[in-house]
C-alpha atoms as a PDB file:
ATOM      1  CA  UNK A   1     -49.775-113.986  58.855  1.00  0.00           C
ATOM      2  CA  UNK A   2     -52.501-110.999  58.717  1.00  0.00           C
ATOM      3  CA  UNK A   3     -53.034-110.107  55.212  1.00  0.00           C
ATOM      4  CA  UNK A   4     -52.860-106.488  55.893  1.00  0.00           C
ATOM      5  CA  UNK A   5     -49.485-106.668  57.900  1.00  0.00           C
ATOM      6  CA  UNK A   6     -47.515-103.888  55.946  1.00  0.00           C
ATOM      7  CA  UNK A   7     -43.562-103.973  55.329  1.00  0.00           C
ATOM      8  CA  UNK A   8     -43.603-101.279  57.754  1.00  0.00           C
ATOM      9  CA  UNK A   9     -45.384-103.103  60.428  1.00  0.00           C
ATOM     10  CA  UNK A  10     -43.152-106.182  60.082  1.00  0.00           C
ATOM     11  CA  UNK A  11     -40.192-104.054  60.499  1.00  0.00           C
ATOM     12  CA  UNK A  12     -41.313-102.379  63.506  1.00  0.00           C
ATOM     13  CA  UNK A  13     -42.199-105.611  65.331  1.00  0.00           C
ATOM     14  CA  UNK A  14     -38.777-107.059  64.149  1.00  0.00           C
ATOM     15  CA  UNK A  15     -37.264-103.906  65.478  1.00  0.00           C
ATOM     16  CA  UNK A  16     -39.098-104.199  68.546  1.00  0.00           C
ATOM     17  CA  UNK A  17     -38.063-107.898  69.170  1.00  0.00           C
ATOM     18  CA  UNK A  18     -34.481-107.148  68.293  1.00  0.00           C
ATOM     19  CA  UNK A  19     -34.246-104.146  70.821  1.00  0.00           C
ATOM     20  CA  UNK A  20     -36.017-105.953  73.737  1.00  0.00           C
ATOM     21  CA  UNK A  21     -33.691-109.103  73.492  1.00  0.00           C
ATOM     22  CA  UNK A  22     -30.650-107.345  72.533  1.00  0.00           C
ATOM     23  CA  UNK A  23     -31.075-105.016  75.553  1.00  0.00           C
ATOM     24  CA  UNK A  24     -31.298-107.886  77.614  1.00  0.00           C
ATOM     25  CA  UNK A  25     -28.380-109.673  76.242  1.00  0.00           C
ATOM     26  CA  UNK A  26     -26.422-106.407  76.680  1.00  0.00           C
ATOM     27  CA  UNK A  27     -27.217-105.856  80.491  1.00  0.00           C
ATOM     28  CA  UNK A  28     -26.417-109.903  80.964  1.00  0.00           C
ATOM     29  CA  UNK A  29     -22.916-109.327  79.481  1.00  0.00           C
ATOM     30  CA  UNK A  30     -22.253-105.692  80.682  1.00  0.00           C
ATOM     31  CA  UNK A  31     -23.071-106.871  84.332  1.00  0.00           C
ATOM     32  CA  UNK A  32     -19.545-108.422  84.239  1.00  0.00           C
ATOM     33  CA  UNK A  33     -17.816-105.214  83.485  1.00  0.00           C
ATOM     34  CA  UNK A  34     -17.028-102.402  86.191  1.00  0.00           C
ATOM     35  CA  UNK A  35     -19.142 -99.906  84.017  1.00  0.00           C
ATOM     36  CA  UNK A  36     -22.350-101.385  84.460  1.00  0.00           C
ATOM     37  CA  UNK A  37     -24.719-100.067  87.253  1.00  0.00           C
ATOM     38  CA  UNK A  38     -25.666-103.969  88.014  1.00  0.00           C
ATOM     39  CA  UNK A  39     -21.854-104.681  88.355  1.00  0.00           C
ATOM     40  CA  UNK A  40     -21.433-102.100  91.111  1.00  0.00           C
ATOM     41  CA  UNK A  41     -24.668-102.906  92.762  1.00  0.00           C
ATOM     42  CA  UNK A  42     -23.629-106.805  92.841  1.00  0.00           C
ATOM     43  CA  UNK A  43     -20.304-105.581  94.598  1.00  0.00           C
ATOM     44  CA  UNK A  44     -22.266-103.560  97.249  1.00  0.00           C
ATOM     45  CA  UNK A  45     -24.517-106.579  98.008  1.00  0.00           C
ATOM     46  CA  UNK A  46     -21.510-108.962  98.698  1.00  0.00           C
ATOM     47  CA  UNK A  47     -20.571-106.107 101.130  1.00  0.00           C
ATOM     48  CA  UNK A  48     -23.968-106.056 102.447  1.00  0.00           C
ATOM     49  CA  UNK A  49     -23.962-109.951 103.119  1.00  0.00           C
ATOM     50  CA  UNK A  50     -20.616-109.649 104.396  1.00  0.00           C
ATOM     51  CA  UNK A  51     -21.540-107.120 107.044  1.00  0.00           C
ATOM     52  CA  UNK A  52     -24.644-109.270 107.870  1.00  0.00           C
ATOM     53  CA  UNK A  53     -22.462-112.058 108.876  1.00  0.00           C
ATOM     54  CA  UNK A  54     -20.810-109.849 111.389  1.00  0.00           C
ATOM     55  CA  UNK A  55     -24.079-108.960 113.239  1.00  0.00           C
ATOM     56  CA  UNK A  56     -25.727-111.053 115.939  1.00  0.00           C
ATOM     57  CA  UNK A  57     -29.159-109.125 115.371  1.00  0.00           C
ATOM     58  CA  UNK A  58     -30.235-109.285 111.878  1.00  0.00           C
ATOM     59  CA  UNK A  59     -33.542-108.279 111.811  1.00  0.00           C
ATOM     60  CA  UNK A  60     -32.732-104.900 109.787  1.00  0.00           C
ATOM     61  CA  UNK A  61     -31.458-107.217 107.059  1.00  0.00           C
ATOM     62  CA  UNK A  62     -34.667-109.437 107.105  1.00  0.00           C
ATOM     63  CA  UNK A  63     -36.665-106.224 106.928  1.00  0.00           C
ATOM     64  CA  UNK A  64     -35.078-104.878 103.721  1.00  0.00           C
ATOM     65  CA  UNK A  65     -35.598-108.163 102.050  1.00  0.00           C
ATOM     66  CA  UNK A  66     -38.940-108.242 103.308  1.00  0.00           C
ATOM     67  CA  UNK A  67     -39.831-104.888 101.838  1.00  0.00           C
ATOM     68  CA  UNK A  68     -38.255-106.089  98.434  1.00  0.00           C
ATOM     69  CA  UNK A  69     -40.629-109.053  98.460  1.00  0.00           C
ATOM     70  CA  UNK A  70     -43.825-106.769  99.176  1.00  0.00           C
ATOM     71  CA  UNK A  71     -42.687-104.682  95.974  1.00  0.00           C
ATOM     72  CA  UNK A  72     -42.178-107.833  93.977  1.00  0.00           C
ATOM     73  CA  UNK A  73     -45.631-109.010  95.289  1.00  0.00           C
ATOM     74  CA  UNK A  74     -47.339-106.145  94.256  1.00  0.00           C
ATOM     75  CA  UNK A  75     -45.814-105.909  90.814  1.00  0.00           C
ATOM     76  CA  UNK A  76     -46.696-109.718  90.102  1.00  0.00           C
ATOM     77  CA  UNK A  77     -50.409-109.162  91.285  1.00  0.00           C
ATOM     78  CA  UNK A  78     -50.642-105.784  89.351  1.00  0.00           C
ATOM     79  CA  UNK A  79     -49.386-107.969  86.343  1.00  0.00           C
ATOM     80  CA  UNK A  80     -51.813-110.693  86.639  1.00  0.00           C
ATOM     81  CA  UNK A  81     -54.723-107.896  86.959  1.00  0.00           C
ATOM     82  CA  UNK A  82     -53.540-106.417  83.730  1.00  0.00           C
ATOM     83  CA  UNK A  83     -53.307-109.967  81.987  1.00  0.00           C
ATOM     84  CA  UNK A  84     -56.891-110.682  83.105  1.00  0.00           C
ATOM     85  CA  UNK A  85     -57.706-107.376  81.539  1.00  0.00           C
ATOM     86  CA  UNK A  86     -56.156-108.275  78.419  1.00  0.00           C
ATOM     87  CA  UNK A  87     -57.493-111.681  78.071  1.00  0.00           C
ATOM     88  CA  UNK A  88     -61.204-110.162  78.642  1.00  0.00           C
ATOM     89  CA  UNK A  89     -60.621-107.490  75.911  1.00  0.00           C
ATOM     90  CA  UNK A  90     -59.710-110.320  73.560  1.00  0.00           C
ATOM     91  CA  UNK A  91     -63.381-112.063  74.624  1.00  0.00           C
ATOM     92  CA  UNK A  92     -64.726-108.846  72.966  1.00  0.00           C
ATOM     93  CA  UNK A  93     -62.344-108.315  70.576  1.00  0.00           C
ATOM     94  CA  UNK A  94     -64.748-107.245  67.763  1.00  0.00           C
ATOM     95  CA  UNK A  95     -66.374-104.337  69.771  1.00  0.00           C
ATOM     96  CA  UNK A  96     -62.691-103.335  70.998  1.00  0.00           C
ATOM     97  CA  UNK A  97     -61.641-103.347  67.436  1.00  0.00           C
ATOM     98  CA  UNK A  98     -64.539-101.047  66.276  1.00  0.00           C
ATOM     99  CA  UNK A  99     -63.957 -98.741  69.090  1.00  0.00           C
ATOM    100  CA  UNK A 100     -59.946 -98.220  68.784  1.00  0.00           C
ATOM    101  CA  UNK A 101     -60.837 -97.938  64.862  1.00  0.00           C
ATOM    102  CA  UNK A 102     -63.022 -94.995  65.430  1.00  0.00           C
ATOM    103  CA  UNK A 103     -60.367 -93.117  67.398  1.00  0.00           C
ATOM    104  CA  UNK A 104     -58.951 -90.367  65.000  1.00  0.00           C
ATOM    105  CA  UNK A 105     -55.268 -90.921  65.728  1.00  0.00           C
ATOM    106  CA  UNK A 106     -55.497 -94.694  65.271  1.00  0.00           C
ATOM    107  CA  UNK A 107     -54.214 -96.216  62.361  1.00  0.00           C
ATOM    108  CA  UNK A 108     -56.704 -98.174  60.701  1.00  0.00           C
ATOM    109  CA  UNK A 109     -55.947-101.863  60.490  1.00  0.00           C
ATOM    110  CA  UNK A 110     -58.021-105.275  59.931  1.00  0.00           C
ATOM    111  CA  UNK A 111     -59.225-107.296  62.896  1.00  0.00           C
ATOM    112  CA  UNK A 112     -56.393-109.995  62.256  1.00  0.00           C
ATOM    113  CA  UNK A 113     -53.642-107.487  62.791  1.00  0.00           C
ATOM    114  CA  UNK A 114     -55.432-105.813  65.459  1.00  0.00           C
ATOM    115  CA  UNK A 115     -55.582-109.335  67.353  1.00  0.00           C
ATOM    116  CA  UNK A 116     -52.059-109.869  66.721  1.00  0.00           C
ATOM    117  CA  UNK A 117     -51.202-106.317  68.222  1.00  0.00           C
ATOM    118  CA  UNK A 118     -53.143-107.397  71.278  1.00  0.00           C
ATOM    119  CA  UNK A 119     -51.689-110.788  71.406  1.00  0.00           C
ATOM    120  CA  UNK A 120     -48.135-109.100  71.482  1.00  0.00           C
ATOM    121  CA  UNK A 121     -49.203-106.772  74.258  1.00  0.00           C
ATOM    122  CA  UNK A 122     -50.351-109.777  76.350  1.00  0.00           C
ATOM    123  CA  UNK A 123     -47.166-111.606  75.706  1.00  0.00           C
ATOM    124  CA  UNK A 124     -45.233-108.996  77.334  1.00  0.00           C
ATOM    125  CA  UNK A 125     -46.903-108.891  80.566  1.00  0.00           C
ATOM    126  CA  UNK A 126     -47.295-112.645  80.432  1.00  0.00           C
ATOM    127  CA  UNK A 127     -43.087-112.427  80.161  1.00  0.00           C
ATOM    128  CA  UNK A 128     -43.362-109.916  82.903  1.00  0.00           C
ATOM    129  CA  UNK A 129     -45.356-112.022  85.277  1.00  0.00           C
ATOM    130  CA  UNK A 130     -43.135-114.973  84.971  1.00  0.00           C
ATOM    131  CA  UNK A 131     -40.166-112.981  85.692  1.00  0.00           C
ATOM    132  CA  UNK A 132     -41.828-111.295  88.868  1.00  0.00           C
ATOM    133  CA  UNK A 133     -42.829-114.806  90.187  1.00  0.00           C
ATOM    134  CA  UNK A 134     -39.459-116.192  89.615  1.00  0.00           C
ATOM    135  CA  UNK A 135     -37.939-113.244  91.423  1.00  0.00           C
ATOM    136  CA  UNK A 136     -40.369-113.832  94.199  1.00  0.00           C
ATOM    137  CA  UNK A 137     -39.660-117.470  94.809  1.00  0.00           C
ATOM    138  CA  UNK A 138     -35.884-116.419  94.775  1.00  0.00           C
ATOM    139  CA  UNK A 139     -36.234-113.981  97.317  1.00  0.00           C
ATOM    140  CA  UNK A 140     -37.911-117.059  99.249  1.00  0.00           C
ATOM    141  CA  UNK A 141     -34.936-119.004  98.598  1.00  0.00           C
ATOM    142  CA  UNK A 142     -32.824-116.164  99.844  1.00  0.00           C
ATOM    143  CA  UNK A 143     -34.626-116.057 103.388  1.00  0.00           C
ATOM    144  CA  UNK A 144     -33.913-119.540 103.919  1.00  0.00           C
ATOM    145  CA  UNK A 145     -30.372-118.821 103.446  1.00  0.00           C
ATOM    146  CA  UNK A 146     -30.181-115.992 105.616  1.00  0.00           C
ATOM    147  CA  UNK A 147     -32.042-117.818 108.451  1.00  0.00           C
ATOM    148  CA  UNK A 148     -29.398-120.492 108.296  1.00  0.00           C
ATOM    149  CA  UNK A 149     -26.524-118.460 108.163  1.00  0.00           C
ATOM    150  CA  UNK A 150     -24.272-119.162 110.949  1.00  0.00           C
ATOM    151  CA  UNK A 151     -23.726-116.667 113.657  1.00  0.00           C
ATOM    152  CA  UNK A 152     -20.846-114.207 113.924  1.00  0.00           C
ATOM    153  CA  UNK A 153     -17.553-115.492 114.927  1.00  0.00           C
ATOM    154  CA  UNK A 154     -18.707-119.181 114.302  1.00  0.00           C
ATOM    155  CA  UNK A 155     -16.784-121.880 112.027  1.00  0.00           C
ATOM    156  CA  UNK A 156     -14.999-120.915 108.957  1.00  0.00           C
ATOM    157  CA  UNK A 157     -16.741-120.621 105.625  1.00  0.00           C
ATOM    158  CA  UNK A 158     -18.662-117.274 106.306  1.00  0.00           C
ATOM    159  CA  UNK A 159     -17.048-115.618 103.309  1.00  0.00           C
ATOM    160  CA  UNK A 160     -18.312-118.334 101.046  1.00  0.00           C
ATOM    161  CA  UNK A 161     -21.822-118.274 102.688  1.00  0.00           C
ATOM    162  CA  UNK A 162     -22.095-114.588 102.170  1.00  0.00           C
ATOM    163  CA  UNK A 163     -20.867-114.825  98.627  1.00  0.00           C
ATOM    164  CA  UNK A 164     -23.608-117.544  97.840  1.00  0.00           C
ATOM    165  CA  UNK A 165     -26.240-115.414  99.366  1.00  0.00           C
ATOM    166  CA  UNK A 166     -25.000-112.274  97.497  1.00  0.00           C
ATOM    167  CA  UNK A 167     -25.055-114.263  94.136  1.00  0.00           C
ATOM    168  CA  UNK A 168     -28.724-115.648  94.829  1.00  0.00           C
ATOM    169  CA  UNK A 169     -29.732-112.157  95.734  1.00  0.00           C
ATOM    170  CA  UNK A 170     -28.350-110.814  92.280  1.00  0.00           C
ATOM    171  CA  UNK A 171     -30.121-113.299  90.384  1.00  0.00           C
ATOM    172  CA  UNK A 172     -33.463-112.366  92.216  1.00  0.00           C
ATOM    173  CA  UNK A 173     -32.782-108.804  91.149  1.00  0.00           C
ATOM    174  CA  UNK A 174     -32.115-109.547  87.743  1.00  0.00           C
ATOM    175  CA  UNK A 175     -35.578-111.393  87.168  1.00  0.00           C
ATOM    176  CA  UNK A 176     -37.276-108.573  89.297  1.00  0.00           C
ATOM    177  CA  UNK A 177     -35.580-105.886  86.742  1.00  0.00           C
ATOM    178  CA  UNK A 178     -36.517-107.984  83.750  1.00  0.00           C
ATOM    179  CA  UNK A 179     -39.877-107.886  84.797  1.00  0.00           C
ATOM    180  CA  UNK A 180     -39.831-104.201  85.179  1.00  0.00           C
ATOM    181  CA  UNK A 181     -38.045-103.406  81.911  1.00  0.00           C
ATOM    182  CA  UNK A 182     -41.166-105.463  80.370  1.00  0.00           C
ATOM    183  CA  UNK A 183     -43.547-102.813  81.588  1.00  0.00           C
ATOM    184  CA  UNK A 184     -41.353-100.017  79.508  1.00  0.00           C
ATOM    185  CA  UNK A 185     -41.568-102.145  76.291  1.00  0.00           C
ATOM    186  CA  UNK A 186     -45.371-102.804  76.735  1.00  0.00           C
ATOM    187  CA  UNK A 187     -45.620 -98.889  76.634  1.00  0.00           C
ATOM    188  CA  UNK A 188     -43.964 -98.748  73.500  1.00  0.00           C
ATOM    189  CA  UNK A 189     -46.208-101.768  72.255  1.00  0.00           C
ATOM    190  CA  UNK A 190     -49.212 -99.513  72.826  1.00  0.00           C
ATOM    191  CA  UNK A 191     -48.218 -96.784  70.457  1.00  0.00           C
ATOM    192  CA  UNK A 192     -48.386 -99.535  67.560  1.00  0.00           C
ATOM    193  CA  UNK A 193     -52.097 -99.030  67.584  1.00  0.00           C
ATOM    194  CA  UNK A 194     -51.445 -95.516  66.389  1.00  0.00           C
ATOM    195  CA  UNK A 195     -48.724 -95.960  63.889  1.00  0.00           C
ATOM    196  CA  UNK A 196     -46.123 -98.526  63.224  1.00  0.00           C
ATOM    197  CA  UNK A 197     -43.229 -95.808  62.930  1.00  0.00           C
ATOM    198  CA  UNK A 198     -44.479 -94.439  66.112  1.00  0.00           C
ATOM    199  CA  UNK A 199     -43.940 -97.887  67.575  1.00  0.00           C
ATOM    200  CA  UNK A 200     -40.118 -98.254  66.407  1.00  0.00           C
ATOM    201  CA  UNK A 201     -39.621 -94.622  67.945  1.00  0.00           C
ATOM    202  CA  UNK A 202     -41.124 -95.388  71.296  1.00  0.00           C
ATOM    203  CA  UNK A 203     -39.168 -98.682  71.240  1.00  0.00           C
ATOM    204  CA  UNK A 204     -36.181 -96.698  70.776  1.00  0.00           C
ATOM    205  CA  UNK A 205     -37.158 -93.975  73.202  1.00  0.00           C
ATOM    206  CA  UNK A 206     -37.728 -97.012  75.748  1.00  0.00           C
ATOM    207  CA  UNK A 207     -34.150 -98.159  75.122  1.00  0.00           C
ATOM    208  CA  UNK A 208     -32.736 -94.624  75.573  1.00  0.00           C
ATOM    209  CA  UNK A 209     -34.484 -94.301  78.887  1.00  0.00           C
ATOM    210  CA  UNK A 210     -33.172 -97.584  80.200  1.00  0.00           C
ATOM    211  CA  UNK A 211     -29.671 -97.091  78.874  1.00  0.00           C
ATOM    212  CA  UNK A 212     -29.411 -93.697  80.574  1.00  0.00           C
ATOM    213  CA  UNK A 213     -30.911 -95.008  83.946  1.00  0.00           C
ATOM    214  CA  UNK A 214     -28.375 -97.888  83.615  1.00  0.00           C
ATOM    215  CA  UNK A 215     -25.105 -95.818  82.710  1.00  0.00           C
ATOM    216  CA  UNK A 216     -25.729 -92.064  83.014  1.00  0.00           C
ATOM    217  CA  UNK A 217     -28.174 -91.309  85.551  1.00  0.00           C
ATOM    218  CA  UNK A 218     -27.274 -89.451  89.072  1.00  0.00           C
ATOM    219  CA  UNK A 219     -28.328 -92.762  90.829  1.00  0.00           C
ATOM    220  CA  UNK A 220     -25.528 -94.661  88.641  1.00  0.00           C
ATOM    221  CA  UNK A 221     -22.918 -91.964  89.789  1.00  0.00           C
ATOM    222  CA  UNK A 222     -23.726 -92.341  93.348  1.00  0.00           C
ATOM    223  CA  UNK A 223     -23.837 -96.021  93.439  1.00  0.00           C
ATOM    224  CA  UNK A 224     -20.538 -96.035  91.132  1.00  0.00           C
ATOM    225  CA  UNK A 225     -18.910 -93.647  93.779  1.00  0.00           C
ATOM    226  CA  UNK A 226     -19.646 -95.746  96.594  1.00  0.00           C
ATOM    227  CA  UNK A 227     -18.826 -98.927  94.900  1.00  0.00           C
ATOM    228  CA  UNK A 228     -15.568 -97.374  94.155  1.00  0.00           C
ATOM    229  CA  UNK A 229     -14.964 -96.411  97.888  1.00  0.00           C
ATOM    230  CA  UNK A 230     -15.450-100.020  98.735  1.00  0.00           C
ATOM    231  CA  UNK A 231     -13.079-101.284  96.230  1.00  0.00           C
ATOM    232  CA  UNK A 232     -10.284 -98.988  97.192  1.00  0.00           C
ATOM    233  CA  UNK A 233     -10.917 -99.735 101.018  1.00  0.00           C
ATOM    234  CA  UNK A 234     -10.710-103.462 100.223  1.00  0.00           C
ATOM    235  CA  UNK A 235      -7.526-102.868  98.304  1.00  0.00           C
ATOM    236  CA  UNK A 236      -5.860-100.870 101.033  1.00  0.00           C
ATOM    237  CA  UNK A 237      -6.639-103.316 103.690  1.00  0.00           C
END
């Protein structure tokens, strides 16, 4: 452990991991409840796949999936570039450390602690890269399932097939969302170079932003309204 790791630095690092891991666990559990944005989207995905099985021409569905694949590929490629830049920075860590320590707003730390901060930032982006690439692979699996979907009016089992495809789509979206969340928390890690107290505040801010968008945003209300209408329609017949 770096000898200049202060109790506040240790508390800030522990707070960061607790918030990041806690949020992921919270969302994974809340997704099973009707109040969650992800839960509403899961219902809408199932409705989408059910409608897809009713269409003879599925070019629109393929285009929507392809657009998402391009977006994930962009983030995966961008993350790889960021990782390469951080690895290059570690190669010249002594010079980088001197430059950062010359900044008037940066907290003065030894090289060992500075390296630990850089490794944490690198680790967050590595995690994001793995999540993005796993999401991309799941979308490739999804393409196979959609390509092999039976035509409308075919043999039974369409409802089960649509449910399976929607479940895989939800898993792929979860992986993509986890990668996106890592970017938010990576921005929080950057503030650790300024002050550990600011790092804790930035971590809390990232959490607040994510929670607001998940439960209180206008997008949530619009999607929740549509999901409620869909459930009401299914209930009435």
